Amino acid sequence: MNKIINIPLNKNRAIFFALLISILPFYNQVTAQGDAQIIDQVVAVVGKNIILESDIENQYLNYRLQRSIKGGSSEIRCQILEEQLFQKLMVAQAEVDSIVVSEVQVEGELERRLQMFITQFGSQEKMESYYGKSIPEIKSELHDIIKEQMVAQQVQSGIVANVNVTPSEIRSYFRSIPEDSIPQISTEYQIAQIVKKPPISIEEKIRIKEQLLDLRSRILKGESFSTMAILYSEDPGSAKKGGELGFYGRGQLFPEFEAIAFKLKEGEISNIVDTEAGYHIIQLIERKGDYINVRHILLSPKVSPVDLMKARNELDSIAILIRADSITFEYAVTSFSEAKNKNNAGLLVNAQTGGTTFQAEQLDAQISFVIEKMGVGEISNPVPLKTEENEDAYQIVLLKKKSVPHKANLKEDYFKIQIWAEGNKKQKVIDEWINNKAKNTYVRIIDQYKDCNFQHEWEVR
């Protein structure tokens, strides 16, 4: 699903819409936590869709849990209601436009979100204990919520699909920000790396394959695939679930993994599959159209300590040459680095922003600790690294730039301001869409909420 819009000059709206789309709003959470029972009633009607008091209250309770606020707040509930009105308006539009999401898509999103929250809780058991519900019960209660959110998200994506900003619009947007409202930018770092990944020995690969073949043989003789996954799989995300991944479509998994998984029959177990993550055996649980649910066991060959030390020593020698100006960092990246970013001068890319600058909290803790003591232009000593494929490696890093805290400006923060300007423009398009659609859609709100200070003119009939 697409990320929700984040507009710095409209923080309340962004916070609450993100809350509605991304949190885990379980019904009856009040009861699960031992508080008072919610007395339900219809708060608003948008077209054929209703908003219940429990919808508002559960969102509010989740907000309290996530934001650690105390007591009641009519303002917060009003903002939640307005975002619910917007979502129901999009659902009504989806009916007009015949926008639908399939059950397979909903199942896939359910599995993805549940896995994310299980990870946050630490285990499936802790999550079930916290909410006083089993996973099937949680899935049942979340199903319609997620389906509606997915439909609304498709409508919203269509509304802003063609929105972009020109350089003049970016400058104009920035000039429109009041001087006392210009955001303060924290210290940011631009970092480049040279990575050495030691080779894995043939003997180690053979050892892992033999271990996996032994597990496959035991399963074929009657032992439980799920149990073997729990005991032996090195995929931390799925091992606790008996190796089950949940529903995935084509293009979402490793190509080599997909090529085998989509050919399996239900219950069939694959031979060994080699991917970037390691070696797998796969069992197909269920197929729904172009989506499959599989369980797998992953074993990854390990680098020997001797080879790892060789990589460290090689990087140490490269760092000495760079510091002595015998070679440039750029030459060393091109000639020696084994990272995917070697063609990008070794620059690290911030996955959260798409840019090449990082705030300290956005960096790996170990790298953050290292660069905190470095000056611009300095090269670090070799630092241990876990690659995206979970391989042991070493890296040296160059601190290319380090900004001082400052008010945002076009020269230093153009990329950020571009994102803000685009978000602001998208918000205006959405606001205009809401105002137009609300005038032509049946909307009714109970008297209790009519005093809310809404941002839009919801037509009450």
Protein backbone atom coordinates (compact mmCIF):
# COMPACT_ATOMS: atom_id res chain seq x y z
CA MET A 1 0.00 0.00 0.00
CA ASN A 2 1.12 3.54 -0.65
CA LYS A 3 2.45 5.76 2.10
CA ILE A 4 0.07 8.33 3.43
CA ILE A 5 0.74 12.01 2.73
CA ASN A 6 2.72 13.88 5.37
CA ILE A 7 2.39 17.66 5.24
CA PRO A 8 4.55 19.55 7.77
CA LEU A 9 2.24 22.59 7.90
CA ASN A 10 -0.81 20.44 8.63
CA LYS A 11 0.56 18.12 11.29
CA ASN A 12 -2.67 17.16 13.03
CA ARG A 13 -4.29 16.00 9.81
CA ALA A 14 -1.24 13.98 8.79
CA ILE A 15 -0.93 12.36 12.22
CA PHE A 16 -4.51 11.25 12.39
CA PHE A 17 -4.84 10.04 8.82
CA ALA A 18 -1.63 8.02 9.23
CA LEU A 19 -3.08 6.68 12.46
CA LEU A 20 -6.27 5.52 10.75
CA ILE A 21 -4.44 3.81 7.94
CA SER A 22 -1.57 2.12 9.77
CA ILE A 23 -2.46 1.23 13.36
CA LEU A 24 -4.01 -2.00 14.57
CA PRO A 25 -7.53 -0.94 15.62
CA PHE A 26 -8.98 -4.01 17.31
CA TYR A 27 -12.60 -3.91 18.34
CA ASN A 28 -13.39 -4.45 22.02
CA GLN A 29 -9.89 -3.35 22.98
CA VAL A 30 -11.42 -1.43 25.86
CA THR A 31 -12.78 -4.64 27.29
CA ALA A 32 -9.45 -6.40 26.66
CA GLN A 33 -7.68 -3.81 28.78
CA GLY A 34 -10.22 -3.97 31.57
CA ASP A 35 -11.74 -0.51 31.06
CA ALA A 36 -15.38 0.43 30.62
CA GLN A 37 -17.50 -1.16 27.90
CA ILE A 38 -18.15 1.05 24.85
CA ILE A 39 -21.83 1.77 24.29
CA ASP A 40 -22.26 1.85 20.52
CA GLN A 41 -24.29 4.15 18.36
CA VAL A 42 -24.22 5.48 14.81
CA VAL A 43 -22.24 8.73 14.83
CA ALA A 44 -22.37 9.57 11.12
CA VAL A 45 -23.62 8.31 7.77
CA VAL A 46 -21.75 8.89 4.49
CA GLY A 47 -23.68 7.58 1.51
CA LYS A 48 -24.47 3.98 2.41
CA ASN A 49 -21.66 3.76 4.97
CA ILE A 50 -21.94 4.33 8.71
CA ILE A 51 -19.43 5.40 11.37
CA LEU A 52 -19.97 3.95 14.83
CA GLU A 53 -19.08 5.38 18.21
CA SER A 54 -16.88 2.30 18.71
CA ASP A 55 -14.96 3.22 15.53
CA ILE A 56 -14.09 6.59 17.04
CA GLU A 57 -13.38 5.23 20.52
CA ASN A 58 -11.13 2.38 19.40
CA GLN A 59 -9.07 4.74 17.26
CA TYR A 60 -8.83 7.13 20.21
CA LEU A 61 -7.74 4.35 22.56
CA ASN A 62 -5.07 3.21 20.15
CA TYR A 63 -3.91 6.81 19.90
CA ARG A 64 -3.63 6.97 23.67
CA LEU A 65 -1.61 3.75 23.73
CA GLN A 66 0.77 4.94 21.02
CA ARG A 67 1.08 8.56 22.13
CA SER A 68 0.84 8.03 25.90
CA ILE A 69 -1.76 10.76 26.35
CA LYS A 70 -4.14 10.70 29.30
CA GLY A 71 -7.75 11.64 29.78
CA GLY A 72 -10.40 12.52 27.23
CA SER A 73 -10.17 14.90 24.34
CA SER A 74 -13.15 15.99 22.28
CA GLU A 75 -10.77 17.68 19.83
CA ILE A 76 -8.93 14.43 19.13
CA ARG A 77 -12.20 12.55 18.69
CA CYS A 78 -13.43 15.23 16.29
CA GLN A 79 -10.27 14.89 14.20
CA ILE A 80 -10.63 11.12 14.17
CA LEU A 81 -14.23 11.49 13.05
CA GLU A 82 -13.26 13.82 10.21
CA GLU A 83 -10.70 11.33 8.92
CA GLN A 84 -13.32 8.61 9.17
CA LEU A 85 -15.70 10.80 7.17
CA PHE A 86 -12.99 11.17 4.52
CA GLN A 87 -12.37 7.43 4.41
CA LYS A 88 -16.09 6.66 4.08
CA LEU A 89 -16.34 9.28 1.34
CA MET A 90 -13.59 7.48 -0.56
CA VAL A 91 -15.34 4.15 -0.04
CA ALA A 92 -18.52 5.66 -1.46
CA GLN A 93 -16.53 6.89 -4.47
CA ALA A 94 -15.02 3.43 -4.90
CA GLU A 95 -18.53 2.03 -5.29
CA VAL A 96 -19.23 4.57 -8.05
CA ASP A 97 -15.92 3.79 -9.79
CA SER A 98 -16.33 0.01 -9.27
CA ILE A 99 -13.02 -0.18 -7.42
CA VAL A 100 -12.63 -3.48 -5.61
CA VAL A 101 -9.90 -5.42 -3.86
CA SER A 102 -9.79 -9.20 -3.99
CA GLU A 103 -9.97 -11.49 -0.99
CA VAL A 104 -6.49 -12.69 -1.83
CA GLN A 105 -5.17 -9.11 -1.63
CA VAL A 106 -6.90 -8.60 1.71
CA GLU A 107 -5.50 -11.89 3.04
CA GLY A 108 -2.03 -10.89 1.94
CA GLU A 109 -2.26 -7.50 3.65
CA LEU A 110 -3.70 -9.13 6.78
CA GLU A 111 -0.76 -11.51 6.96
CA ARG A 112 1.73 -8.69 6.39
CA ARG A 113 0.28 -6.51 9.13
CA LEU A 114 -0.09 -9.36 11.60
CA GLN A 115 3.52 -10.35 11.09
CA MET A 116 4.60 -6.76 11.65
CA PHE A 117 2.69 -6.51 14.92
CA ILE A 118 3.78 -9.96 16.10
CA THR A 119 7.35 -8.75 15.62
CA GLN A 120 6.58 -5.62 17.68
CA PHE A 121 5.07 -7.69 20.50
CA GLY A 122 7.92 -10.21 20.38
CA SER A 123 5.81 -13.29 19.79
CA GLN A 124 2.40 -14.45 18.64
CA GLU A 125 1.61 -15.61 22.16
CA LYS A 126 2.31 -12.17 23.67
CA MET A 127 0.10 -10.49 21.11
CA GLU A 128 -2.76 -12.95 21.69
CA SER A 129 -2.39 -12.54 25.46
CA TYR A 130 -2.42 -8.73 25.24
CA TYR A 131 -5.65 -8.60 23.25
CA GLY A 132 -7.23 -11.67 24.80
CA LYS A 133 -7.94 -13.09 21.34
CA SER A 134 -6.53 -15.80 19.10
CA ILE A 135 -4.93 -14.97 15.75
CA PRO A 136 -8.00 -16.24 13.82
CA GLU A 137 -10.25 -13.99 15.94
CA ILE A 138 -7.99 -11.01 15.38
CA LYS A 139 -7.91 -11.69 11.63
CA SER A 140 -11.69 -11.94 11.54
CA GLU A 141 -12.12 -8.58 13.28
CA LEU A 142 -9.47 -6.88 11.15
CA HIS A 143 -10.71 -8.22 7.82
CA ASP A 144 -13.35 -5.62 6.97
CA ILE A 145 -11.29 -2.76 8.42
CA ILE A 146 -8.32 -3.57 6.23
CA LYS A 147 -10.47 -4.21 3.17
CA GLU A 148 -12.06 -0.77 3.53
CA GLN A 149 -8.68 0.87 4.06
CA MET A 150 -7.29 -0.78 0.93
CA VAL A 151 -10.24 0.40 -1.15
CA ALA A 152 -9.93 3.94 0.23
CA GLN A 153 -6.20 3.90 -0.42
CA GLN A 154 -6.78 3.05 -4.09
CA VAL A 155 -9.18 5.98 -4.40
CA GLN A 156 -6.75 8.37 -2.70
CA SER A 157 -3.88 7.19 -4.91
CA GLY A 158 -6.00 7.99 -7.95
CA ILE A 159 -6.84 11.46 -6.64
CA VAL A 160 -3.18 12.50 -6.35
CA ALA A 161 -1.69 10.26 -9.07
CA ASN A 162 -0.72 13.11 -11.39
CA VAL A 163 0.40 15.64 -8.79
CA ASN A 164 3.97 16.91 -9.02
CA VAL A 165 5.75 20.20 -8.37
CA THR A 166 7.96 22.42 -10.51
CA PRO A 167 11.10 24.20 -9.21
CA SER A 168 9.19 27.51 -9.15
CA GLU A 169 6.40 25.91 -7.09
CA ILE A 170 8.99 24.56 -4.65
CA ARG A 171 10.50 28.01 -4.16
CA SER A 172 7.07 29.61 -3.90
CA TYR A 173 5.97 27.06 -1.30
CA PHE A 174 9.07 27.68 0.81
CA ARG A 175 8.61 31.46 0.67
CA SER A 176 5.03 30.99 1.86
CA ILE A 177 6.13 29.42 5.15
CA PRO A 178 6.08 31.99 7.96
CA GLU A 179 9.56 32.70 9.29
CA ASP A 180 8.70 31.38 12.74
CA SER A 181 7.28 28.15 11.23
CA ILE A 182 10.29 27.11 9.13
CA PRO A 183 11.29 23.66 10.44
CA GLN A 184 14.55 23.17 12.32
CA ILE A 185 16.77 20.58 10.64
CA SER A 186 18.80 18.35 12.96
CA THR A 187 22.39 17.33 12.32
CA GLU A 188 22.57 15.19 9.19
CA TYR A 189 25.28 12.98 7.77
CA GLN A 190 26.24 11.87 4.28
CA ILE A 191 28.23 8.66 4.35
CA ALA A 192 29.97 6.47 1.77
CA GLN A 193 31.17 2.91 2.32
CA ILE A 194 33.53 0.27 0.96
CA VAL A 195 32.39 -3.27 1.71
CA LYS A 196 34.26 -6.56 1.64
CA LYS A 197 32.20 -9.75 1.78
CA PRO A 198 34.35 -12.81 2.49
CA PRO A 199 33.61 -15.82 0.28
CA ILE A 200 31.82 -18.80 1.77
CA SER A 201 33.76 -22.01 1.42
CA ILE A 202 32.52 -24.90 -0.70
CA GLU A 203 32.78 -27.14 2.35
CA GLU A 204 30.40 -24.87 4.29
CA LYS A 205 27.88 -24.83 1.43
CA ILE A 206 27.98 -28.63 1.23
CA ARG A 207 27.49 -28.90 4.99
CA ILE A 208 24.39 -26.67 4.92
CA LYS A 209 22.88 -28.50 1.94
CA GLU A 210 23.38 -31.87 3.60
CA GLN A 211 21.70 -30.60 6.76
CA LEU A 212 18.75 -29.30 4.72
CA LEU A 213 18.46 -32.55 2.76
CA ASP A 214 18.38 -34.44 6.06
CA LEU A 215 15.51 -32.22 7.31
CA ARG A 216 13.64 -32.74 4.03
CA SER A 217 14.06 -36.51 4.35
CA ARG A 218 12.72 -36.47 7.90
CA ILE A 219 9.68 -34.46 6.80
CA LEU A 220 8.98 -36.82 3.88
CA LYS A 221 9.10 -39.70 6.37
CA GLY A 222 6.36 -38.08 8.43
CA GLU A 223 7.86 -35.48 10.73
CA SER A 224 6.16 -32.06 10.84
CA PHE A 225 7.46 -29.37 8.48
CA SER A 226 6.24 -26.72 10.94
CA THR A 227 8.09 -28.29 13.84
CA MET A 228 11.30 -28.56 11.80
CA ALA A 229 10.96 -24.89 10.83
CA ILE A 230 10.50 -23.82 14.44
CA LEU A 231 13.53 -25.83 15.53
CA TYR A 232 15.96 -25.19 12.67
CA SER A 233 14.93 -22.37 10.31
CA GLU A 234 17.13 -19.27 10.39
CA ASP A 235 14.40 -16.94 9.13
CA PRO A 236 13.43 -15.13 12.36
CA GLY A 237 10.27 -13.71 10.86
CA SER A 238 8.66 -17.02 9.93
CA ALA A 239 10.34 -19.64 12.13
CA LYS A 240 8.04 -18.97 15.09
CA LYS A 241 5.07 -19.46 12.78
CA GLY A 242 6.27 -22.86 11.64
CA GLY A 243 7.94 -21.34 8.60
CA GLU A 244 4.69 -19.86 7.23
CA LEU A 245 5.16 -16.67 5.18
CA GLY A 246 1.53 -15.73 4.46
CA PHE A 247 0.16 -14.83 1.04
CA TYR A 248 2.48 -13.29 -1.54
CA GLY A 249 2.00 -12.42 -5.19
CA ARG A 250 4.47 -12.65 -8.03
CA GLY A 251 7.39 -10.26 -7.83
CA GLN A 252 7.34 -10.06 -4.01
CA LEU A 253 9.79 -12.86 -3.21
CA PHE A 254 13.25 -13.85 -4.42
CA PRO A 255 12.97 -14.78 -8.12
CA GLU A 256 14.56 -18.21 -7.56
CA PHE A 257 12.19 -18.82 -4.63
CA GLU A 258 9.14 -17.81 -6.64
CA ALA A 259 10.11 -19.87 -9.67
CA ILE A 260 9.88 -23.04 -7.57
CA ALA A 261 7.14 -22.06 -5.10
CA PHE A 262 4.57 -21.22 -7.79
CA LYS A 263 5.09 -24.64 -9.44
CA LEU A 264 4.42 -26.66 -6.28
CA LYS A 265 1.19 -28.49 -5.60
CA GLU A 266 -0.51 -28.07 -2.23
CA GLY A 267 1.46 -29.98 0.40
CA GLU A 268 4.36 -30.67 -1.96
CA ILE A 269 7.90 -30.05 -0.71
CA SER A 270 10.56 -28.62 -2.98
CA ASN A 271 14.16 -29.63 -3.41
CA ILE A 272 16.79 -27.17 -2.20
CA VAL A 273 16.34 -23.63 -3.52
CA ASP A 274 19.32 -21.27 -3.58
CA THR A 275 18.66 -17.52 -3.06
CA GLU A 276 20.59 -14.51 -1.77
CA ALA A 277 19.34 -15.32 1.73
CA GLY A 278 20.69 -18.89 1.72
CA TYR A 279 19.23 -22.33 1.03
CA HIS A 280 15.55 -23.19 1.42
CA ILE A 281 13.12 -26.04 1.22
CA ILE A 282 9.55 -24.91 0.53
CA GLN A 283 6.10 -26.39 1.08
CA LEU A 284 3.03 -24.95 -0.60
CA ILE A 285 0.18 -24.47 1.88
CA GLU A 286 -2.46 -22.85 -0.33
CA ARG A 287 -2.88 -21.10 -3.66
CA LYS A 288 -5.46 -18.36 -4.35
CA GLY A 289 -5.28 -17.07 -7.90
CA ASP A 290 -1.91 -15.41 -8.37
CA TYR A 291 -1.12 -15.54 -4.65
CA ILE A 292 0.48 -18.35 -2.69
CA ASN A 293 0.99 -19.11 0.97
CA VAL A 294 4.04 -21.23 1.70
CA ARG A 295 6.16 -22.32 4.60
CA HIS A 296 9.90 -22.71 4.31
CA ILE A 297 13.04 -23.64 6.19
CA LEU A 298 16.02 -21.40 5.62
CA LEU A 299 19.61 -22.31 6.42
CA SER A 300 22.40 -19.89 5.60
CA PRO A 301 26.06 -20.88 5.16
CA LYS A 302 28.41 -18.97 7.42
CA VAL A 303 31.69 -17.23 6.70
CA SER A 304 34.68 -18.73 8.51
CA PRO A 305 36.36 -16.53 11.13
CA VAL A 306 39.63 -16.80 9.19
CA ASP A 307 38.07 -15.45 5.97
CA LEU A 308 36.29 -12.73 7.91
CA MET A 309 39.59 -11.60 9.40
CA LYS A 310 41.16 -11.55 5.92
CA ALA A 311 38.42 -9.18 4.75
CA ARG A 312 39.01 -6.94 7.75
CA ASN A 313 42.75 -6.81 7.12
CA GLU A 314 42.24 -6.05 3.42
CA LEU A 315 39.97 -3.11 4.27
CA ASP A 316 42.46 -1.91 6.84
CA SER A 317 45.13 -1.80 4.12
CA ILE A 318 42.78 0.07 1.76
CA ALA A 319 42.02 2.63 4.49
CA ILE A 320 45.75 3.22 5.04
CA LEU A 321 46.27 3.84 1.30
CA ILE A 322 43.39 6.33 1.18
CA ARG A 323 44.63 8.21 4.24
CA ALA A 324 48.10 8.43 2.68
CA ASP A 325 46.57 9.84 -0.54
CA SER A 326 47.99 6.89 -2.49
CA ILE A 327 44.51 6.21 -3.88
CA THR A 328 41.24 8.13 -3.74
CA PHE A 329 38.20 6.87 -1.90
CA GLU A 330 36.26 6.92 -5.19
CA TYR A 331 38.88 4.72 -6.88
CA ALA A 332 38.82 2.33 -3.93
CA VAL A 333 35.03 2.06 -4.10
CA THR A 334 35.10 1.21 -7.80
CA SER A 335 38.05 -1.19 -7.49
CA PHE A 336 37.43 -2.99 -4.22
CA SER A 337 33.89 -2.56 -2.85
CA GLU A 338 31.48 -5.49 -3.12
CA ALA A 339 28.36 -3.53 -2.16
CA LYS A 340 25.49 -2.82 -4.54
CA ASN A 341 26.10 0.94 -4.22
CA LYS A 342 29.64 0.80 -5.67
CA ASN A 343 28.37 2.49 -8.84
CA ASN A 344 26.94 5.31 -6.72
CA ALA A 345 30.34 6.29 -5.27
CA GLY A 346 29.50 4.05 -2.30
CA LEU A 347 26.91 6.48 -0.94
CA LEU A 348 24.41 5.09 1.55
CA VAL A 349 20.79 5.74 0.57
CA ASN A 350 18.22 6.59 3.24
CA ALA A 351 15.35 4.13 2.78
CA GLN A 352 12.98 6.47 4.62
CA THR A 353 13.53 9.49 2.37
CA GLY A 354 15.18 8.21 -0.79
CA GLY A 355 17.97 10.76 -0.28
CA THR A 356 21.60 10.32 0.78
CA THR A 357 21.50 12.15 4.11
CA PHE A 358 20.70 10.63 7.50
CA GLN A 359 19.84 11.88 10.92
CA ALA A 360 21.65 9.98 13.67
CA GLU A 361 18.58 7.97 14.66
CA GLN A 362 18.11 6.79 11.06
CA LEU A 363 21.51 5.11 10.99
CA ASP A 364 22.54 1.67 12.14
CA ALA A 365 23.50 2.03 15.80
CA GLN A 366 27.07 0.86 15.23
CA ILE A 367 27.67 3.25 12.31
CA SER A 368 26.09 6.10 14.27
CA PHE A 369 28.51 5.41 17.13
CA VAL A 370 31.50 5.36 14.75
CA ILE A 371 30.77 8.54 12.77
CA GLU A 372 29.89 10.52 15.90
CA LYS A 373 33.63 10.61 16.65
CA MET A 374 34.73 11.35 13.06
CA GLY A 375 35.37 14.60 11.26
CA VAL A 376 34.27 15.34 7.70
CA GLY A 377 36.63 13.64 5.25
CA GLU A 378 37.82 11.02 7.77
CA ILE A 379 37.94 7.28 7.05
CA SER A 380 36.90 4.83 9.74
CA ASN A 381 38.67 1.65 10.76
CA PRO A 382 36.95 -1.57 9.54
CA VAL A 383 33.51 -2.00 11.08
CA PRO A 384 31.53 -5.30 11.19
CA LEU A 385 28.50 -5.37 8.91
CA LYS A 386 25.44 -7.51 8.32
CA THR A 387 24.50 -7.22 4.67
CA GLU A 388 20.93 -7.11 3.31
CA GLU A 389 21.33 -10.85 2.70
CA ASN A 390 22.30 -11.29 6.38
CA GLU A 391 25.90 -12.11 5.47
CA ASP A 392 28.83 -11.27 7.74
CA ALA A 393 31.10 -8.66 6.20
CA TYR A 394 33.27 -5.64 7.01
CA GLN A 395 33.11 -2.05 5.84
CA ILE A 396 35.03 1.18 6.10
CA VAL A 397 33.06 4.41 5.94
CA LEU A 398 33.85 7.93 4.82
CA LEU A 399 32.04 10.83 6.47
CA LYS A 400 31.48 13.03 3.42
CA LYS A 401 29.27 15.71 4.95
CA LYS A 402 27.98 16.70 8.35
CA SER A 403 25.53 19.54 8.69
CA VAL A 404 25.00 21.65 11.79
CA PRO A 405 21.47 22.11 13.14
CA HIS A 406 19.81 24.91 11.19
CA LYS A 407 16.56 26.28 9.89
CA ALA A 408 15.56 24.69 6.59
CA ASN A 409 16.77 26.54 3.52
CA LEU A 410 16.60 25.96 -0.22
CA LYS A 411 20.34 25.58 -0.68
CA GLU A 412 20.92 22.81 1.86
CA ASP A 413 17.48 21.22 2.09
CA TYR A 414 16.03 21.42 -1.42
CA PHE A 415 15.11 17.71 -1.53
CA LYS A 416 13.20 17.92 1.76
CA ILE A 417 11.41 21.08 0.71
CA GLN A 418 10.45 19.44 -2.57
CA ILE A 419 8.80 16.60 -0.64
CA TRP A 420 6.99 19.10 1.60
CA ALA A 421 5.82 21.15 -1.37
CA GLU A 422 4.53 18.09 -3.17
CA GLY A 423 2.74 16.92 -0.03
CA ASN A 424 1.19 20.35 0.39
CA LYS A 425 -0.02 20.36 -3.22
CA LYS A 426 -1.47 16.87 -2.84
CA GLN A 427 -3.28 17.97 0.30
CA LYS A 428 -4.88 20.86 -1.60
CA VAL A 429 -6.02 18.48 -4.33
CA ILE A 430 -7.50 16.16 -1.69
CA ASP A 431 -9.19 19.06 0.11
CA GLU A 432 -10.78 20.22 -3.15
CA TRP A 433 -11.92 16.68 -3.89
CA ILE A 434 -13.48 16.36 -0.43
CA ASN A 435 -15.35 19.64 -0.73
CA ASN A 436 -16.75 18.73 -4.15
CA LYS A 437 -17.75 15.18 -3.22
CA ALA A 438 -19.23 16.08 0.16
CA LYS A 439 -21.68 18.45 -1.55
CA ASN A 440 -23.03 15.61 -3.68
CA THR A 441 -23.00 12.83 -1.10
CA TYR A 442 -25.50 12.18 1.67
CA VAL A 443 -23.73 13.03 4.95
CA ARG A 444 -25.37 13.09 8.36
CA ILE A 445 -23.64 13.65 11.72
CA ILE A 446 -25.31 13.33 15.14
CA ASP A 447 -25.72 16.46 17.26
CA GLN A 448 -23.00 15.38 19.70
CA TYR A 449 -20.34 16.02 17.03
CA LYS A 450 -21.86 18.98 15.18
CA ASP A 451 -19.83 21.44 17.25
CA CYS A 452 -16.57 19.92 16.02
CA ASN A 453 -14.22 22.36 14.35
CA PHE A 454 -13.93 20.41 11.09
CA GLN A 455 -11.47 21.48 8.39
CA HIS A 456 -14.04 20.83 5.67
CA GLU A 457 -17.64 21.79 5.13
CA TRP A 458 -19.36 18.46 5.52
CA GLU A 459 -22.85 18.78 4.08
CA VAL A 460 -25.25 17.75 6.87
CA ARG A 461 -28.76 16.85 5.62
